[in-house]
């Protein structure tokens, strides 16, 4: 599976696990193993964590609610806002604690009891932060992409999710088209 983390925010990287939304859509969260892999690669878990089919359904529901909250055609629905809020409140992180070692004090953060719920809570909190910030959420301008990304550029005029991928391809196509018309 080719995971892409070009959204600029973890919540947008989750939204981008459904590719080609402008067409029929390509689902990347195909099952518990795929979700576990994404959570690990996105930095929410370390090592294997138990993921259920119910977790996959919850991830997809959260993903779609985040997408509708961040890119609404109009005001987001109360149901989507409630889903994001509930996910954000669902798994409070255990508090950090001090540990006395031979080298002095050290901060230790215990692992959450439910790492999947903790990841969903962090993703929802990130979406809340993004929805209330002045950053713009955009859809990649490449005809064959459609990924969402956070545009925090000074003029809020970024066009592509990734200059290395979509931007370069678009510029190469434009250059090729110009060379054809010169001949």
C-alpha atoms as a PDB file:
ATOM      1  CA  UNK A   1       0.000   0.000   0.000  1.00  0.00           C
ATOM      2  CA  UNK A   2       1.340   3.433  -0.884  1.00  0.00           C
ATOM      3  CA  UNK A   3       0.529   5.760   1.981  1.00  0.00           C
ATOM      4  CA  UNK A   4       0.950   9.476   1.355  1.00  0.00           C
ATOM      5  CA  UNK A   5       1.343  12.007   4.139  1.00  0.00           C
ATOM      6  CA  UNK A   6       1.205  15.281   2.187  1.00  0.00           C
ATOM      7  CA  UNK A   7      -1.832  16.798   3.902  1.00  0.00           C
ATOM      8  CA  UNK A   8       0.247  18.926   6.228  1.00  0.00           C
ATOM      9  CA  UNK A   9      -1.928  17.877   9.169  1.00  0.00           C
ATOM     10  CA  UNK A  10      -2.641  14.399  10.562  1.00  0.00           C
ATOM     11  CA  UNK A  11      -6.413  14.823  10.193  1.00  0.00           C
ATOM     12  CA  UNK A  12      -5.981  15.581   6.469  1.00  0.00           C
ATOM     13  CA  UNK A  13      -3.685  12.589   6.069  1.00  0.00           C
ATOM     14  CA  UNK A  14      -6.552  10.494   7.454  1.00  0.00           C
ATOM     15  CA  UNK A  15      -8.992  12.130   5.020  1.00  0.00           C
ATOM     16  CA  UNK A  16      -6.573  11.275   2.209  1.00  0.00           C
ATOM     17  CA  UNK A  17      -6.880   7.547   2.938  1.00  0.00           C
ATOM     18  CA  UNK A  18      -9.797   7.675   0.493  1.00  0.00           C
ATOM     19  CA  UNK A  19      -8.069   8.502  -2.776  1.00  0.00           C
ATOM     20  CA  UNK A  20      -9.563   9.737  -6.036  1.00  0.00           C
ATOM     21  CA  UNK A  21     -12.687  11.181  -4.411  1.00  0.00           C
ATOM     22  CA  UNK A  22     -13.409  13.027  -7.661  1.00  0.00           C
ATOM     23  CA  UNK A  23     -13.857   9.656  -9.364  1.00  0.00           C
ATOM     24  CA  UNK A  24     -15.166   6.459  -7.771  1.00  0.00           C
ATOM     25  CA  UNK A  25     -12.755   6.594  -4.854  1.00  0.00           C
ATOM     26  CA  UNK A  26      -9.997   4.179  -3.889  1.00  0.00           C
ATOM     27  CA  UNK A  27     -10.293   2.975  -0.294  1.00  0.00           C
ATOM     28  CA  UNK A  28      -6.966   2.478   1.465  1.00  0.00           C
ATOM     29  CA  UNK A  29      -8.404   1.529   4.866  1.00  0.00           C
ATOM     30  CA  UNK A  30      -9.346  -1.910   3.610  1.00  0.00           C
ATOM     31  CA  UNK A  31      -9.264  -3.688   6.954  1.00  0.00           C
ATOM     32  CA  UNK A  32      -7.762  -3.861  10.437  1.00  0.00           C
ATOM     33  CA  UNK A  33      -4.232  -4.541   9.157  1.00  0.00           C
ATOM     34  CA  UNK A  34      -4.325  -1.507   6.863  1.00  0.00           C
ATOM     35  CA  UNK A  35      -5.570   0.772   9.652  1.00  0.00           C
ATOM     36  CA  UNK A  36      -2.922  -0.574  12.057  1.00  0.00           C
ATOM     37  CA  UNK A  37      -0.229   0.088   9.441  1.00  0.00           C
ATOM     38  CA  UNK A  38      -1.509   3.635   8.781  1.00  0.00           C
ATOM     39  CA  UNK A  39      -1.669   4.449  12.514  1.00  0.00           C
ATOM     40  CA  UNK A  40       1.914   3.262  12.932  1.00  0.00           C
ATOM     41  CA  UNK A  41       3.285   5.091   9.875  1.00  0.00           C
ATOM     42  CA  UNK A  42       1.403   8.257  10.886  1.00  0.00           C
ATOM     43  CA  UNK A  43       3.147   8.098  14.263  1.00  0.00           C
ATOM     44  CA  UNK A  44       0.115   7.398  16.447  1.00  0.00           C
ATOM     45  CA  UNK A  45       1.233   3.966  17.602  1.00  0.00           C
ATOM     46  CA  UNK A  46       4.522   2.240  18.134  1.00  0.00           C
ATOM     47  CA  UNK A  47       4.567  -1.403  17.300  1.00  0.00           C
ATOM     48  CA  UNK A  48       1.584  -3.579  16.523  1.00  0.00           C
ATOM     49  CA  UNK A  49      -1.732  -2.661  18.125  1.00  0.00           C
ATOM     50  CA  UNK A  50      -4.950  -4.653  18.035  1.00  0.00           C
ATOM     51  CA  UNK A  51      -7.335  -3.115  15.512  1.00  0.00           C
ATOM     52  CA  UNK A  52     -10.845  -4.436  14.959  1.00  0.00           C
ATOM     53  CA  UNK A  53     -13.245  -4.219  12.044  1.00  0.00           C
ATOM     54  CA  UNK A  54     -15.281  -1.849  14.245  1.00  0.00           C
ATOM     55  CA  UNK A  55     -12.218   0.410  14.542  1.00  0.00           C
ATOM     56  CA  UNK A  56     -11.989   0.512  10.737  1.00  0.00           C
ATOM     57  CA  UNK A  57     -15.661   1.549  10.464  1.00  0.00           C
ATOM     58  CA  UNK A  58     -15.117   4.192  13.160  1.00  0.00           C
ATOM     59  CA  UNK A  59     -12.013   5.501  11.345  1.00  0.00           C
ATOM     60  CA  UNK A  60     -13.936   5.809   8.079  1.00  0.00           C
ATOM     61  CA  UNK A  61     -16.848   7.584   9.790  1.00  0.00           C
ATOM     62  CA  UNK A  62     -14.441   9.990  11.509  1.00  0.00           C
ATOM     63  CA  UNK A  63     -12.570  10.535   8.240  1.00  0.00           C
ATOM     64  CA  UNK A  64     -15.718  11.484   6.354  1.00  0.00           C
ATOM     65  CA  UNK A  65     -17.002  13.726   9.161  1.00  0.00           C
ATOM     66  CA  UNK A  66     -13.644  15.531   9.272  1.00  0.00           C
ATOM     67  CA  UNK A  67     -13.734  15.982   5.494  1.00  0.00           C
ATOM     68  CA  UNK A  68     -17.232  17.477   5.615  1.00  0.00           C
ATOM     69  CA  UNK A  69     -16.354  19.734   8.570  1.00  0.00           C
ATOM     70  CA  UNK A  70     -13.185  21.047   6.916  1.00  0.00           C
ATOM     71  CA  UNK A  71     -14.467  21.353   3.331  1.00  0.00           C
ATOM     72  CA  UNK A  72     -18.158  22.042   3.635  1.00  0.00           C
ATOM     73  CA  UNK A  73     -20.219  23.353   0.726  1.00  0.00           C
ATOM     74  CA  UNK A  74     -22.112  25.172   3.473  1.00  0.00           C
ATOM     75  CA  UNK A  75     -22.241  24.918   7.261  1.00  0.00           C
ATOM     76  CA  UNK A  76     -21.210  21.453   8.506  1.00  0.00           C
ATOM     77  CA  UNK A  77     -23.981  19.299   9.903  1.00  0.00           C
ATOM     78  CA  UNK A  78     -24.542  19.017  13.638  1.00  0.00           C
ATOM     79  CA  UNK A  79     -24.083  15.260  13.322  1.00  0.00           C
ATOM     80  CA  UNK A  80     -20.576  15.656  11.826  1.00  0.00           C
ATOM     81  CA  UNK A  81     -19.583  18.235  14.451  1.00  0.00           C
ATOM     82  CA  UNK A  82     -20.859  15.938  17.208  1.00  0.00           C
ATOM     83  CA  UNK A  83     -18.978  12.939  15.806  1.00  0.00           C
ATOM     84  CA  UNK A  84     -15.699  14.913  15.732  1.00  0.00           C
ATOM     85  CA  UNK A  85     -16.313  16.312  19.225  1.00  0.00           C
ATOM     86  CA  UNK A  86     -17.145  12.883  20.644  1.00  0.00           C
ATOM     87  CA  UNK A  87     -14.037  11.354  19.090  1.00  0.00           C
ATOM     88  CA  UNK A  88     -11.875  14.136  20.527  1.00  0.00           C
ATOM     89  CA  UNK A  89     -13.271  13.526  24.007  1.00  0.00           C
ATOM     90  CA  UNK A  90     -13.300   9.732  23.803  1.00  0.00           C
ATOM     91  CA  UNK A  91      -9.812   8.829  24.977  1.00  0.00           C
ATOM     92  CA  UNK A  92      -8.105  11.212  27.332  1.00  0.00           C
ATOM     93  CA  UNK A  93      -4.389  10.633  27.387  1.00  0.00           C
ATOM     94  CA  UNK A  94      -2.939   9.358  30.644  1.00  0.00           C
ATOM     95  CA  UNK A  95      -1.180  12.170  32.474  1.00  0.00           C
ATOM     96  CA  UNK A  96       2.600  12.340  32.325  1.00  0.00           C
ATOM     97  CA  UNK A  97       4.445  11.473  35.470  1.00  0.00           C
ATOM     98  CA  UNK A  98       7.829  12.132  36.983  1.00  0.00           C
ATOM     99  CA  UNK A  99      10.247   9.251  37.369  1.00  0.00           C
ATOM    100  CA  UNK A 100      13.293   9.506  39.580  1.00  0.00           C
ATOM    101  CA  UNK A 101      16.359   7.900  37.981  1.00  0.00           C
ATOM    102  CA  UNK A 102      20.048   7.845  38.847  1.00  0.00           C
ATOM    103  CA  UNK A 103      20.465  10.741  36.353  1.00  0.00           C
ATOM    104  CA  UNK A 104      17.726  12.834  37.970  1.00  0.00           C
ATOM    105  CA  UNK A 105      14.108  13.460  37.075  1.00  0.00           C
ATOM    106  CA  UNK A 106      12.645  12.199  33.822  1.00  0.00           C
ATOM    107  CA  UNK A 107       9.216  12.732  32.291  1.00  0.00           C
ATOM    108  CA  UNK A 108       7.331   9.557  31.387  1.00  0.00           C
ATOM    109  CA  UNK A 109       4.102   9.371  29.447  1.00  0.00           C
ATOM    110  CA  UNK A 110       2.297   6.069  30.009  1.00  0.00           C
ATOM    111  CA  UNK A 111       0.878   4.294  26.989  1.00  0.00           C
ATOM    112  CA  UNK A 112      -2.868   4.809  26.558  1.00  0.00           C
ATOM    113  CA  UNK A 113      -5.157   1.935  27.520  1.00  0.00           C
ATOM    114  CA  UNK A 114      -6.724   2.016  24.044  1.00  0.00           C
ATOM    115  CA  UNK A 115      -4.141   3.288  21.538  1.00  0.00           C
ATOM    116  CA  UNK A 116      -6.628   3.264  18.648  1.00  0.00           C
ATOM    117  CA  UNK A 117      -9.153   5.426  20.530  1.00  0.00           C
ATOM    118  CA  UNK A 118      -6.295   7.708  21.607  1.00  0.00           C
ATOM    119  CA  UNK A 119      -5.257   8.087  17.957  1.00  0.00           C
ATOM    120  CA  UNK A 120      -8.834   8.909  16.933  1.00  0.00           C
ATOM    121  CA  UNK A 121      -9.020  11.472  19.747  1.00  0.00           C
ATOM    122  CA  UNK A 122      -5.791  13.112  18.557  1.00  0.00           C
ATOM    123  CA  UNK A 123      -7.009  13.155  14.943  1.00  0.00           C
ATOM    124  CA  UNK A 124     -10.310  14.732  15.952  1.00  0.00           C
ATOM    125  CA  UNK A 125      -8.532  17.312  18.128  1.00  0.00           C
ATOM    126  CA  UNK A 126      -6.282  18.146  15.175  1.00  0.00           C
ATOM    127  CA  UNK A 127      -9.368  18.629  12.967  1.00  0.00           C
ATOM    128  CA  UNK A 128     -10.923  20.934  15.575  1.00  0.00           C
ATOM    129  CA  UNK A 129      -7.705  22.947  15.732  1.00  0.00           C
ATOM    130  CA  UNK A 130      -7.534  23.196  11.935  1.00  0.00           C
ATOM    131  CA  UNK A 131     -11.222  24.095  11.539  1.00  0.00           C
ATOM    132  CA  UNK A 132     -10.802  27.012  13.934  1.00  0.00           C
ATOM    133  CA  UNK A 133      -7.460  28.257  12.563  1.00  0.00           C
ATOM    134  CA  UNK A 134      -6.849  30.731   9.769  1.00  0.00           C
ATOM    135  CA  UNK A 135      -5.187  28.066   7.597  1.00  0.00           C
ATOM    136  CA  UNK A 136      -7.034  27.105   4.435  1.00  0.00           C
ATOM    137  CA  UNK A 137      -7.892  23.538   3.500  1.00  0.00           C
ATOM    138  CA  UNK A 138      -7.601  22.993  -0.226  1.00  0.00           C
ATOM    139  CA  UNK A 139      -8.051  20.231  -2.777  1.00  0.00           C
ATOM    140  CA  UNK A 140      -5.045  19.523  -4.999  1.00  0.00           C
ATOM    141  CA  UNK A 141      -5.399  21.215  -8.397  1.00  0.00           C
ATOM    142  CA  UNK A 142      -3.978  18.231 -10.280  1.00  0.00           C
ATOM    143  CA  UNK A 143      -6.718  16.650 -12.383  1.00  0.00           C
ATOM    144  CA  UNK A 144      -5.790  13.142 -11.283  1.00  0.00           C
ATOM    145  CA  UNK A 145      -5.275  13.759  -7.544  1.00  0.00           C
ATOM    146  CA  UNK A 146      -7.952  15.339  -5.350  1.00  0.00           C
ATOM    147  CA  UNK A 147      -6.035  15.054  -2.064  1.00  0.00           C
ATOM    148  CA  UNK A 148      -6.764  17.541   0.693  1.00  0.00           C
ATOM    149  CA  UNK A 149      -3.958  19.659   2.135  1.00  0.00           C
ATOM    150  CA  UNK A 150      -3.438  22.488   4.582  1.00  0.00           C
ATOM    151  CA  UNK A 151      -2.450  25.724   2.850  1.00  0.00           C
ATOM    152  CA  UNK A 152      -0.622  27.829   5.385  1.00  0.00           C
ATOM    153  CA  UNK A 153       1.330  29.718   2.718  1.00  0.00           C
ATOM    154  CA  UNK A 154       1.470  33.502   3.222  1.00  0.00           C
ATOM    155  CA  UNK A 155      -0.931  34.243   0.351  1.00  0.00           C
ATOM    156  CA  UNK A 156      -3.024  31.086   0.767  1.00  0.00           C
ATOM    157  CA  UNK A 157      -2.532  30.304  -2.935  1.00  0.00           C
ATOM    158  CA  UNK A 158      -0.824  26.907  -2.877  1.00  0.00           C
ATOM    159  CA  UNK A 159      -2.199  24.661  -5.628  1.00  0.00           C
ATOM    160  CA  UNK A 160      -0.787  21.168  -5.186  1.00  0.00           C
ATOM    161  CA  UNK A 161      -0.691  18.709  -2.322  1.00  0.00           C
ATOM    162  CA  UNK A 162       2.953  18.022  -3.149  1.00  0.00           C
ATOM    163  CA  UNK A 163       5.213  20.006  -5.415  1.00  0.00           C
ATOM    164  CA  UNK A 164       7.424  16.933  -5.797  1.00  0.00           C
ATOM    165  CA  UNK A 165       4.553  14.834  -7.138  1.00  0.00           C
ATOM    166  CA  UNK A 166       1.565  16.761  -8.459  1.00  0.00           C
ATOM    167  CA  UNK A 167       3.214  20.158  -8.993  1.00  0.00           C
ATOM    168  CA  UNK A 168       6.102  18.793 -11.022  1.00  0.00           C
ATOM    169  CA  UNK A 169       3.795  16.637 -13.150  1.00  0.00           C
ATOM    170  CA  UNK A 170       1.503  19.610 -13.871  1.00  0.00           C
ATOM    171  CA  UNK A 171       4.445  21.844 -14.777  1.00  0.00           C
ATOM    172  CA  UNK A 172       5.964  19.140 -16.991  1.00  0.00           C
ATOM    173  CA  UNK A 173       2.645  18.642 -18.808  1.00  0.00           C
ATOM    174  CA  UNK A 174       2.306  22.416 -19.347  1.00  0.00           C
ATOM    175  CA  UNK A 175       5.880  22.627 -20.631  1.00  0.00           C
ATOM    176  CA  UNK A 176       5.316  19.703 -22.991  1.00  0.00           C
ATOM    177  CA  UNK A 177       2.111  21.313 -24.312  1.00  0.00           C
ATOM    178  CA  UNK A 178       3.975  24.590 -24.945  1.00  0.00           C
ATOM    179  CA  UNK A 179       6.756  22.797 -26.866  1.00  0.00           C
ATOM    180  CA  UNK A 180       4.178  21.063 -29.056  1.00  0.00           C
ATOM    181  CA  UNK A 181       2.591  24.367 -30.077  1.00  0.00           C
ATOM    182  CA  UNK A 182       5.998  25.899 -30.973  1.00  0.00           C
ATOM    183  CA  UNK A 183       6.789  23.212 -33.562  1.00  0.00           C
END
